[in-house]
Amino acid sequence: MSPHSASPRESVSFDRIADRYDETRGGEKRGRELSGEVAKWLVPGTTLEVGVGTGLVAQGLTARGASVVGMDISPAMLARAHARLGPRVAIGDAMALPVASASVANVYFVWVLHLVADVAATIAEAARVLRPGGRVIVLHGYPHQETEMDAALASLAPFRRVRRDETNDVAAAATQAGLVEIHRGFTEGYPLKESPANVAEQLEKRTWSWLWRLDDEQWESFAVPAIAALRALPDAEREREFHASQPIVVFSRA
């Protein structure tokens, strides 16, 4: 089976890792950092986060004075978001938002569009609920980084690259939805620390959603060698520090 044939046909829920999502995605510190990137592009008014998850980014924006509401398809993730944001979160499908048309000033997505079943339908729905002059902000794709672990992970590269949120695809969907692109680039670099042993452990736990589509044969052929290669690196328990930046693209509604 090829990586492409294993691509999900439905939006992906994170219920299965809600109890460890924060610790494997940088926690509140990462939420604050990413909220700063989103905040640069907001216009005044209510802001909707689609795929709010555990509320890390929305919490950071709220601390900056933004009025944020959140939607997600995962009840387990929303339970954690509710603890951070209170009743300003609700179950909602990205492709059929329970939100009135032209009612919010901003819609943003952070690492969400690769998980939805239909990127074009999701962007069209964001455009529908956006008021004139509003913004759609998308942080997407893999962080841009280079580490000594890249070679060890090479066998999994074809699976990691199977995504539906490449910048040009998102931009095409936005144009089709009547949005105008006003910015594309990368976030400011942020520091990350990771050890090869910890990455190997996260692979074994299938922490990242792209691992969920590997069948047993693919796991043995591609994931097991990567895990072994990571553990074989010198001083595998030692954390390596590196910097990463995230693709970001911003649209406006006329």
Foldseek 3Di string as FASTA:
>chain_A
DFLQVLQDQAFDEPQVCLVCLQVVPPHLVVLLQVLVVVVVPFDDWEEEEEQCFLVSVVLNVVVVVHHYAYEYQYPSRVVNNCVRPNPSYDYAALLGGPAAFQATQEYEYAAGQQRHNDLLSSLLVRNRNHHAFHKYKYWHDDWDWDDPLCVLQVLCVSLSPPGQPDPVNNVVSNVVSQWAWDDKDKRPKDKDKDFLQVVLVCLVVVVDPSSVSDDPVSCVVRVVSSSVSSVPDPPRVGIDMIITITIMIMIGHD
